[in-house]
PDB file of N, CA and C in Angstrom:
ATOM      1  N   MET A   1       0.843  -1.194   0.000  1.00  0.00           N
ATOM      2  CA  MET A   1       0.000   0.000   0.000  1.00  0.00           C
ATOM      3  C   MET A   1       0.885   1.254   0.000  1.00  0.00           C
ATOM      4  N   THR A   2       0.398   2.279  -0.618  1.00  0.00           N
ATOM      5  CA  THR A   2       1.192   3.504  -0.681  1.00  0.00           C
ATOM      6  C   THR A   2       0.618   4.566   0.235  1.00  0.00           C
ATOM      7  N   SER A   3       1.431   5.582   0.497  1.00  0.00           N
ATOM      8  CA  SER A   3       0.986   6.665   1.371  1.00  0.00           C
ATOM      9  C   SER A   3       0.013   7.599   0.670  1.00  0.00           C
ATOM     10  N   SER A   4      -0.197   7.412  -0.634  1.00  0.00           N
ATOM     11  CA  SER A   4      -1.097   8.301  -1.374  1.00  0.00           C
ATOM     12  C   SER A   4      -2.532   8.227  -0.849  1.00  0.00           C
ATOM     13  N   PHE A   5      -2.856   7.153  -0.129  1.00  0.00           N
ATOM     14  CA  PHE A   5      -4.196   7.013   0.427  1.00  0.00           C
ATOM     15  C   PHE A   5      -4.627   8.228   1.232  1.00  0.00           C
ATOM     16  N   LYS A   6      -3.731   8.765   2.053  1.00  0.00           N
ATOM     17  CA  LYS A   6      -4.159   9.768   3.017  1.00  0.00           C
ATOM     18  C   LYS A   6      -4.065  11.200   2.509  1.00  0.00           C
ATOM     19  N   HIS A   7      -3.659  11.387   1.251  1.00  0.00           N
ATOM     20  CA  HIS A   7      -3.460  12.748   0.764  1.00  0.00           C
ATOM     21  C   HIS A   7      -4.685  13.345   0.079  1.00  0.00           C
ATOM     22  N   VAL A   8      -5.695  12.541  -0.178  1.00  0.00           N
ATOM     23  CA  VAL A   8      -6.889  13.060  -0.842  1.00  0.00           C
ATOM     24  C   VAL A   8      -7.812  13.629   0.227  1.00  0.00           C
ATOM     25  N   GLN A   9      -8.113  14.907   0.149  1.00  0.00           N
ATOM     26  CA  GLN A   9      -8.843  15.574   1.233  1.00  0.00           C
ATOM     27  C   GLN A   9     -10.216  16.067   0.789  1.00  0.00           C
ATOM     28  N   TYR A  10     -10.835  15.372  -0.111  1.00  0.00           N
ATOM     29  CA  TYR A  10     -12.137  15.832  -0.578  1.00  0.00           C
ATOM     30  C   TYR A  10     -13.080  14.649  -0.759  1.00  0.00           C
ATOM     31  N   TRP A  11     -14.353  14.924  -0.763  1.00  0.00           N
ATOM     32  CA  TRP A  11     -15.394  13.963  -1.112  1.00  0.00           C
ATOM     33  C   TRP A  11     -16.042  14.424  -2.414  1.00  0.00           C
ATOM     34  N   THR A  12     -16.368  13.501  -3.292  1.00  0.00           N
ATOM     35  CA  THR A  12     -17.380  13.810  -4.291  1.00  0.00           C
ATOM     36  C   THR A  12     -18.708  13.394  -3.674  1.00  0.00           C
ATOM     37  N   LYS A  13     -19.803  13.923  -4.181  1.00  0.00           N
ATOM     38  CA  LYS A  13     -21.107  13.562  -3.609  1.00  0.00           C
ATOM     39  C   LYS A  13     -21.353  12.065  -3.741  1.00  0.00           C
ATOM     40  N   ARG A  14     -20.957  11.503  -4.858  1.00  0.00           N
ATOM     41  CA  ARG A  14     -21.167  10.074  -5.069  1.00  0.00           C
ATOM     42  C   ARG A  14     -20.340   9.239  -4.093  1.00  0.00           C
ATOM     43  N   GLU A  15     -19.094   9.619  -3.864  1.00  0.00           N
ATOM     44  CA  GLU A  15     -18.259   8.919  -2.883  1.00  0.00           C
ATOM     45  C   GLU A  15     -18.876   8.986  -1.501  1.00  0.00           C
ATOM     46  N   GLU A  16     -19.361  10.162  -1.151  1.00  0.00           N
ATOM     47  CA  GLU A  16     -19.961  10.339   0.164  1.00  0.00           C
ATOM     48  C   GLU A  16     -21.180   9.438   0.331  1.00  0.00           C
ATOM     49  N   ASN A  17     -22.035   9.396  -0.679  1.00  0.00           N
ATOM     50  CA  ASN A  17     -23.231   8.549  -0.611  1.00  0.00           C
ATOM     51  C   ASN A  17     -22.872   7.074  -0.532  1.00  0.00           C
ATOM     52  N   MET A  18     -21.919   6.644  -1.336  1.00  0.00           N
ATOM     53  CA  MET A  18     -21.511   5.242  -1.304  1.00  0.00           C
ATOM     54  C   MET A  18     -20.902   4.888   0.044  1.00  0.00           C
ATOM     55  N   PHE A  19     -20.098   5.797   0.564  1.00  0.00           N
ATOM     56  CA  PHE A  19     -19.437   5.520   1.832  1.00  0.00           C
ATOM     57  C   PHE A  19     -20.450   5.444   2.973  1.00  0.00           C
ATOM     58  N   GLN A  20     -21.441   6.329   2.975  1.00  0.00           N
ATOM     59  CA  GLN A  20     -22.474   6.270   4.007  1.00  0.00           C
ATOM     60  C   GLN A  20     -23.271   4.971   3.908  1.00  0.00           C
ATOM     61  N   ASP A  21     -23.544   4.517   2.686  1.00  0.00           N
ATOM     62  CA  ASP A  21     -24.221   3.228   2.511  1.00  0.00           C
ATOM     63  C   ASP A  21     -23.400   2.101   3.117  1.00  0.00           C
ATOM     64  N   LEU A  22     -22.098   2.145   2.862  1.00  0.00           N
ATOM     65  CA  LEU A  22     -21.200   1.129   3.411  1.00  0.00           C
ATOM     66  C   LEU A  22     -21.222   1.142   4.933  1.00  0.00           C
ATOM     67  N   VAL A  23     -21.137   2.320   5.512  1.00  0.00           N
ATOM     68  CA  VAL A  23     -21.098   2.441   6.968  1.00  0.00           C
ATOM     69  C   VAL A  23     -22.396   1.939   7.583  1.00  0.00           C
ATOM     70  N   CYS A  24     -23.525   2.310   6.992  1.00  0.00           N
ATOM     71  CA  CYS A  24     -24.816   1.841   7.512  1.00  0.00           C
ATOM     72  C   CYS A  24     -24.896   0.321   7.452  1.00  0.00           C
ATOM     73  N   LYS A  25     -24.461  -0.241   6.343  1.00  0.00           N
ATOM     74  CA  LYS A  25     -24.519  -1.692   6.183  1.00  0.00           C
ATOM     75  C   LYS A  25     -23.683  -2.395   7.247  1.00  0.00           C
ATOM     76  N   TYR A  26     -22.455  -1.940   7.453  1.00  0.00           N
ATOM     77  CA  TYR A  26     -21.587  -2.649   8.376  1.00  0.00           C
ATOM     78  C   TYR A  26     -21.819  -2.294   9.830  1.00  0.00           C
ATOM     79  N   ASN A  27     -22.408  -1.166  10.117  1.00  0.00           N
ATOM     80  CA  ASN A  27     -22.827  -0.925  11.494  1.00  0.00           C
ATOM     81  C   ASN A  27     -23.872  -1.950  11.909  1.00  0.00           C
ATOM     82  N   LYS A  28     -24.753  -2.319  10.987  1.00  0.00           N
ATOM     83  CA  LYS A  28     -25.760  -3.337  11.285  1.00  0.00           C
ATOM     84  C   LYS A  28     -25.152  -4.732  11.308  1.00  0.00           C
ATOM     85  N   ASP A  29     -24.319  -5.027  10.293  1.00  0.00           N
ATOM     86  CA  ASP A  29     -23.801  -6.384  10.141  1.00  0.00           C
ATOM     87  C   ASP A  29     -22.741  -6.751  11.171  1.00  0.00           C
ATOM     88  N   PHE A  30     -21.979  -5.776  11.636  1.00  0.00           N
ATOM     89  CA  PHE A  30     -20.822  -6.106  12.466  1.00  0.00           C
ATOM     90  C   PHE A  30     -21.215  -6.793  13.762  1.00  0.00           C
ATOM     91  N   LYS A  31     -22.336  -6.383  14.375  1.00  0.00           N
ATOM     92  CA  LYS A  31     -22.773  -7.032  15.614  1.00  0.00           C
ATOM     93  C   LYS A  31     -22.996  -8.522  15.395  1.00  0.00           C
ATOM     94  N   ARG A  32     -23.465  -8.864  14.209  1.00  0.00           N
ATOM     95  CA  ARG A  32     -23.726 -10.257  13.903  1.00  0.00           C
ATOM     96  C   ARG A  32     -22.419 -11.033  13.700  1.00  0.00           C
ATOM     97  N   TYR A  33     -21.406 -10.381  13.129  1.00  0.00           N
ATOM     98  CA  TYR A  33     -20.164 -11.070  12.798  1.00  0.00           C
ATOM     99  C   TYR A  33     -19.148 -11.099  13.928  1.00  0.00           C
ATOM    100  N   GLU A  34     -19.158 -10.106  14.804  1.00  0.00           N
ATOM    101  CA  GLU A  34     -17.990  -9.909  15.665  1.00  0.00           C
ATOM    102  C   GLU A  34     -17.715 -11.065  16.609  1.00  0.00           C
ATOM    103  N   THR A  35     -18.765 -11.777  17.067  1.00  0.00           N
ATOM    104  CA  THR A  35     -18.552 -12.869  18.006  1.00  0.00           C
ATOM    105  C   THR A  35     -17.951 -14.094  17.329  1.00  0.00           C
ATOM    106  N   HIS A  36     -18.514 -14.449  16.179  1.00  0.00           N
ATOM    107  CA  HIS A  36     -18.116 -15.703  15.546  1.00  0.00           C
ATOM    108  C   HIS A  36     -17.168 -15.527  14.369  1.00  0.00           C
ATOM    109  N   PHE A  37     -17.225 -14.378  13.716  1.00  0.00           N
ATOM    110  CA  PHE A  37     -16.440 -14.185  12.492  1.00  0.00           C
ATOM    111  C   PHE A  37     -15.710 -12.848  12.484  1.00  0.00           C
ATOM    112  N   PRO A  38     -14.885 -12.556  13.477  1.00  0.00           N
ATOM    113  CA  PRO A  38     -14.247 -11.237  13.488  1.00  0.00           C
ATOM    114  C   PRO A  38     -13.365 -10.993  12.268  1.00  0.00           C
ATOM    115  N   LEU A  39     -12.626 -12.010  11.834  1.00  0.00           N
ATOM    116  CA  LEU A  39     -11.759 -11.825  10.673  1.00  0.00           C
ATOM    117  C   LEU A  39     -12.582 -11.668   9.395  1.00  0.00           C
ATOM    118  N   ARG A  40     -13.666 -12.428   9.322  1.00  0.00           N
ATOM    119  CA  ARG A  40     -14.545 -12.328   8.158  1.00  0.00           C
ATOM    120  C   ARG A  40     -15.124 -10.917   8.049  1.00  0.00           C
ATOM    121  N   SER A  41     -15.549 -10.356   9.143  1.00  0.00           N
ATOM    122  CA  SER A  41     -16.131  -9.014   9.089  1.00  0.00           C
ATOM    123  C   SER A  41     -15.076  -7.991   8.669  1.00  0.00           C
ATOM    124  N   TYR A  42     -13.872  -8.149   9.175  1.00  0.00           N
ATOM    125  CA  TYR A  42     -12.776  -7.260   8.791  1.00  0.00           C
ATOM    126  C   TYR A  42     -12.521  -7.334   7.288  1.00  0.00           C
ATOM    127  N   ASN A  43     -12.432  -8.550   6.770  1.00  0.00           N
ATOM    128  CA  ASN A  43     -12.172  -8.721   5.339  1.00  0.00           C
ATOM    129  C   ASN A  43     -13.318  -8.203   4.492  1.00  0.00           C
ATOM    130  N   GLN A  44     -14.534  -8.378   4.964  1.00  0.00           N
ATOM    131  CA  GLN A  44     -15.677  -7.903   4.197  1.00  0.00           C
ATOM    132  C   GLN A  44     -15.747  -6.384   4.182  1.00  0.00           C
ATOM    133  N   ILE A  45     -15.465  -5.769   5.314  1.00  0.00           N
ATOM    134  CA  ILE A  45     -15.445  -4.302   5.352  1.00  0.00           C
ATOM    135  C   ILE A  45     -14.411  -3.779   4.358  1.00  0.00           C
ATOM    136  N   ARG A  46     -13.233  -4.363   4.400  1.00  0.00           N
ATOM    137  CA  ARG A  46     -12.157  -3.897   3.531  1.00  0.00           C
ATOM    138  C   ARG A  46     -12.499  -4.121   2.055  1.00  0.00           C
ATOM    139  N   SER A  47     -12.913  -5.327   1.714  1.00  0.00           N
ATOM    140  CA  SER A  47     -13.150  -5.610   0.296  1.00  0.00           C
ATOM    141  C   SER A  47     -14.388  -4.886  -0.224  1.00  0.00           C
ATOM    142  N   HIS A  48     -15.396  -4.732   0.624  1.00  0.00           N
ATOM    143  CA  HIS A  48     -16.594  -4.021   0.185  1.00  0.00           C
ATOM    144  C   HIS A  48     -16.278  -2.548  -0.055  1.00  0.00           C
ATOM    145  N   TYR A  49     -15.483  -1.965   0.810  1.00  0.00           N
ATOM    146  CA  TYR A  49     -15.074  -0.571   0.619  1.00  0.00           C
ATOM    147  C   TYR A  49     -14.282  -0.425  -0.683  1.00  0.00           C
ATOM    148  N   TYR A  50     -13.296  -1.294  -0.894  1.00  0.00           N
ATOM    149  CA  TYR A  50     -12.518  -1.252  -2.132  1.00  0.00           C
ATOM    150  C   TYR A  50     -13.421  -1.385  -3.358  1.00  0.00           C
ATOM    151  N   ASN A  51     -14.327  -2.341  -3.303  1.00  0.00           N
ATOM    152  CA  ASN A  51     -15.192  -2.590  -4.457  1.00  0.00           C
ATOM    153  C   ASN A  51     -16.057  -1.388  -4.792  1.00  0.00           C
ATOM    154  N   MET A  52     -16.609  -0.747  -3.780  1.00  0.00           N
ATOM    155  CA  MET A  52     -17.473   0.403  -4.026  1.00  0.00           C
ATOM    156  C   MET A  52     -16.689   1.551  -4.658  1.00  0.00           C
ATOM    157  N   ILE A  53     -15.504   1.820  -4.132  1.00  0.00           N
ATOM    158  CA  ILE A  53     -14.706   2.913  -4.684  1.00  0.00           C
ATOM    159  C   ILE A  53     -14.171   2.539  -6.070  1.00  0.00           C
ATOM    160  N   ASN A  54     -13.778   1.283  -6.233  1.00  0.00           N
ATOM    161  CA  ASN A  54     -13.273   0.852  -7.540  1.00  0.00           C
ATOM    162  C   ASN A  54     -14.320   0.951  -8.633  1.00  0.00           C
ATOM    163  N   LYS A  55     -15.556   0.614  -8.306  1.00  0.00           N
ATOM    164  CA  LYS A  55     -16.622   0.704  -9.296  1.00  0.00           C
ATOM    165  C   LYS A  55     -16.756   2.130  -9.803  1.00  0.00           C
ATOM    166  N   GLN A  56     -16.593   3.075  -8.899  1.00  0.00           N
ATOM    167  CA  GLN A  56     -16.710   4.468  -9.306  1.00  0.00           C
ATOM    168  C   GLN A  56     -15.482   4.934 -10.073  1.00  0.00           C
ATOM    169  N   GLN A  57     -14.311   4.635  -9.561  1.00  0.00           N
ATOM    170  CA  GLN A  57     -13.086   5.210 -10.124  1.00  0.00           C
ATOM    171  C   GLN A  57     -12.462   4.349 -11.214  1.00  0.00           C
ATOM    172  N   LYS A  58     -12.940   3.096 -11.374  1.00  0.00           N
ATOM    173  CA  LYS A  58     -12.398   2.190 -12.386  1.00  0.00           C
ATOM    174  C   LYS A  58     -10.883   2.035 -12.230  1.00  0.00           C
ATOM    175  N   GLN A  59     -10.456   1.835 -10.998  1.00  0.00           N
ATOM    176  CA  GLN A  59      -9.035   1.657 -10.720  1.00  0.00           C
ATOM    177  C   GLN A  59      -8.808   0.314 -10.046  1.00  0.00           C
ATOM    178  N   THR A  60      -7.565  -0.143 -10.062  1.00  0.00           N
ATOM    179  CA  THR A  60      -7.230  -1.351  -9.330  1.00  0.00           C
ATOM    180  C   THR A  60      -7.183  -1.034  -7.840  1.00  0.00           C
ATOM    181  N   VAL A  61      -7.223  -2.071  -7.022  1.00  0.00           N
ATOM    182  CA  VAL A  61      -7.188  -1.880  -5.572  1.00  0.00           C
ATOM    183  C   VAL A  61      -5.954  -1.079  -5.158  1.00  0.00           C
ATOM    184  N   GLU A  62      -4.820  -1.333  -5.802  1.00  0.00           N
ATOM    185  CA  GLU A  62      -3.580  -0.647  -5.439  1.00  0.00           C
ATOM    186  C   GLU A  62      -3.651   0.855  -5.689  1.00  0.00           C
ATOM    187  N   LYS A  63      -4.497   1.271  -6.621  1.00  0.00           N
ATOM    188  CA  LYS A  63      -4.556   2.678  -6.994  1.00  0.00           C
ATOM    189  C   LYS A  63      -5.725   3.418  -6.352  1.00  0.00           C
ATOM    190  N   VAL A  64      -6.514   2.725  -5.562  1.00  0.00           N
ATOM    191  CA  VAL A  64      -7.660   3.375  -4.925  1.00  0.00           C
ATOM    192  C   VAL A  64      -7.194   4.492  -4.003  1.00  0.00           C
ATOM    193  N   ARG A  65      -7.871   5.614  -4.044  1.00  0.00           N
ATOM    194  CA  ARG A  65      -7.577   6.723  -3.134  1.00  0.00           C
ATOM    195  C   ARG A  65      -8.705   6.795  -2.112  1.00  0.00           C
ATOM    196  N   THR A  66      -8.354   6.995  -0.873  1.00  0.00           N
ATOM    197  CA  THR A  66      -9.352   7.116   0.177  1.00  0.00           C
ATOM    198  C   THR A  66      -9.692   8.585   0.357  1.00  0.00           C
ATOM    199  N   PRO A  67     -10.918   9.006   0.022  1.00  0.00           N
ATOM    200  CA  PRO A  67     -11.258  10.405   0.242  1.00  0.00           C
ATOM    201  C   PRO A  67     -11.344  10.716   1.732  1.00  0.00           C
ATOM    202  N   ASN A  68     -10.821  11.835   2.126  1.00  0.00           N
ATOM    203  CA  ASN A  68     -10.899  12.298   3.508  1.00  0.00           C
ATOM    204  C   ASN A  68     -10.488  11.196   4.487  1.00  0.00           C
ATOM    205  N   PHE A  69      -9.201  10.944   4.569  1.00  0.00           N
ATOM    206  CA  PHE A  69      -8.688   9.829   5.366  1.00  0.00           C
ATOM    207  C   PHE A  69      -9.115   9.897   6.824  1.00  0.00           C
ATOM    208  N   SER A  70      -9.119  11.079   7.425  1.00  0.00           N
ATOM    209  CA  SER A  70      -9.460  11.165   8.849  1.00  0.00           C
ATOM    210  C   SER A  70     -10.909  10.756   9.098  1.00  0.00           C
ATOM    211  N   ALA A  71     -11.800  11.086   8.178  1.00  0.00           N
ATOM    212  CA  ALA A  71     -13.198  10.663   8.326  1.00  0.00           C
ATOM    213  C   ALA A  71     -13.319   9.155   8.162  1.00  0.00           C
ATOM    214  N   PHE A  72     -12.587   8.604   7.202  1.00  0.00           N
ATOM    215  CA  PHE A  72     -12.581   7.157   7.006  1.00  0.00           C
ATOM    216  C   PHE A  72     -12.088   6.439   8.258  1.00  0.00           C
ATOM    217  N   LYS A  73     -11.003   6.938   8.833  1.00  0.00           N
ATOM    218  CA  LYS A  73     -10.419   6.330  10.025  1.00  0.00           C
ATOM    219  C   LYS A  73     -11.389   6.413  11.209  1.00  0.00           C
ATOM    220  N   GLU A  74     -12.031   7.559  11.358  1.00  0.00           N
ATOM    221  CA  GLU A  74     -12.975   7.741  12.460  1.00  0.00           C
ATOM    222  C   GLU A  74     -14.164   6.796  12.340  1.00  0.00           C
ATOM    223  N   ILE A  75     -14.698   6.665  11.132  1.00  0.00           N
ATOM    224  CA  ILE A  75     -15.844   5.776  10.930  1.00  0.00           C
ATOM    225  C   ILE A  75     -15.444   4.329  11.183  1.00  0.00           C
ATOM    226  N   MET A  76     -14.276   3.921  10.683  1.00  0.00           N
ATOM    227  CA  MET A  76     -13.837   2.553  10.908  1.00  0.00           C
ATOM    228  C   MET A  76     -13.600   2.273  12.391  1.00  0.00           C
ATOM    229  N   SER A  77     -13.150   3.271  13.126  1.00  0.00           N
ATOM    230  CA  SER A  77     -12.924   3.052  14.554  1.00  0.00           C
ATOM    231  C   SER A  77     -14.235   2.847  15.300  1.00  0.00           C
ATOM    232  N   ASN A  78     -15.328   3.388  14.750  1.00  0.00           N
ATOM    233  CA  ASN A  78     -16.637   3.152  15.352  1.00  0.00           C
ATOM    234  C   ASN A  78     -17.183   1.779  15.007  1.00  0.00           C
ATOM    235  N   ILE A  79     -16.782   1.258  13.840  1.00  0.00           N
ATOM    236  CA  ILE A  79     -17.259  -0.061  13.436  1.00  0.00           C
ATOM    237  C   ILE A  79     -16.461  -1.155  14.134  1.00  0.00           C
ATOM    238  N   LEU A  80     -15.150  -0.985  14.174  1.00  0.00           N
ATOM    239  CA  LEU A  80     -14.270  -1.986  14.776  1.00  0.00           C
ATOM    240  C   LEU A  80     -13.825  -1.516  16.153  1.00  0.00           C
ATOM    241  N   ASN A  81     -13.507  -2.439  17.011  1.00  0.00           N
ATOM    242  CA  ASN A  81     -13.000  -2.090  18.331  1.00  0.00           C
ATOM    243  C   ASN A  81     -11.649  -1.413  18.168  1.00  0.00           C
ATOM    244  N   GLN A  82     -11.564  -0.172  18.633  1.00  0.00           N
ATOM    245  CA  GLN A  82     -10.373   0.634  18.393  1.00  0.00           C
ATOM    246  C   GLN A  82      -9.109   0.018  18.994  1.00  0.00           C
ATOM    247  N   ASN A  83      -9.258  -0.762  20.044  1.00  0.00           N
ATOM    248  CA  ASN A  83      -8.092  -1.346  20.700  1.00  0.00           C
ATOM    249  C   ASN A  83      -7.706  -2.714  20.152  1.00  0.00           C
ATOM    250  N   SER A  84      -8.502  -3.222  19.219  1.00  0.00           N
ATOM    251  CA  SER A  84      -8.231  -4.579  18.750  1.00  0.00           C
ATOM    252  C   SER A  84      -7.116  -4.599  17.721  1.00  0.00           C
ATOM    253  N   ILE A  85      -6.441  -5.721  17.647  1.00  0.00           N
ATOM    254  CA  ILE A  85      -5.403  -5.917  16.635  1.00  0.00           C
ATOM    255  C   ILE A  85      -6.014  -5.819  15.247  1.00  0.00           C
ATOM    256  N   MET A  86      -7.247  -6.304  15.129  1.00  0.00           N
ATOM    257  CA  MET A  86      -7.939  -6.255  13.847  1.00  0.00           C
ATOM    258  C   MET A  86      -8.062  -4.817  13.349  1.00  0.00           C
ATOM    259  N   TYR A  87      -8.491  -3.920  14.219  1.00  0.00           N
ATOM    260  CA  TYR A  87      -8.622  -2.505  13.837  1.00  0.00           C
ATOM    261  C   TYR A  87      -7.261  -1.912  13.492  1.00  0.00           C
ATOM    262  N   LEU A  88      -6.285  -2.150  14.340  1.00  0.00           N
ATOM    263  CA  LEU A  88      -4.971  -1.547  14.142  1.00  0.00           C
ATOM    264  C   LEU A  88      -4.319  -2.037  12.855  1.00  0.00           C
ATOM    265  N   SER A  89      -4.468  -3.321  12.549  1.00  0.00           N
ATOM    266  CA  SER A  89      -3.872  -3.834  11.320  1.00  0.00           C
ATOM    267  C   SER A  89      -4.599  -3.297  10.099  1.00  0.00           C
ATOM    268  N   PHE A  90      -5.898  -3.063  10.242  1.00  0.00           N
ATOM    269  CA  PHE A  90      -6.663  -2.464   9.141  1.00  0.00           C
ATOM    270  C   PHE A  90      -6.171  -1.049   8.858  1.00  0.00           C
ATOM    271  N   ILE A  91      -6.075  -0.234   9.908  1.00  0.00           N
ATOM    272  CA  ILE A  91      -5.672   1.161   9.752  1.00  0.00           C
ATOM    273  C   ILE A  91      -4.211   1.271   9.304  1.00  0.00           C
ATOM    274  N   ASP A  92      -3.363   0.362   9.782  1.00  0.00           N
ATOM    275  CA  ASP A  92      -1.943   0.404   9.412  1.00  0.00           C
ATOM    276  C   ASP A  92      -1.719   0.310   7.906  1.00  0.00           C
ATOM    277  N   GLN A  93      -2.645  -0.312   7.210  1.00  0.00           N
ATOM    278  CA  GLN A  93      -2.492  -0.437   5.767  1.00  0.00           C
ATOM    279  C   GLN A  93      -2.584   0.909   5.056  1.00  0.00           C
ATOM    280  N   PHE A  94      -3.152   1.900   5.708  1.00  0.00           N
ATOM    281  CA  PHE A  94      -3.397   3.182   5.059  1.00  0.00           C
ATOM    282  C   PHE A  94      -2.444   4.271   5.532  1.00  0.00           C
ATOM    283  N   GLU A  95      -1.568   3.952   6.462  1.00  0.00           N
ATOM    284  CA  GLU A  95      -0.677   4.983   7.007  1.00  0.00           C
ATOM    285  C   GLU A  95       0.771   4.728   6.637  1.00  0.00           C
TER     286      GLU A  95
END
């Protein structure tokens, strides 16, 4: 992963809408996954986020840019336990 992820400081309206859809979906789903499938939920959050942004930008996963990194990080910290290794390893990929 490259450091270019955190340098994009803007949202397009479409990115914002897609991202909110993602957050709503995983806020609901995570409670169901966290007890039995913590790794599965982590992988699904990551791949679903990549897929949504890739569909819009038509880029490979390696070239995906994360709009507004601090907002992305804050939302993910609400979905995943901030103190867990799972959360930290997820965020480490973007820093």
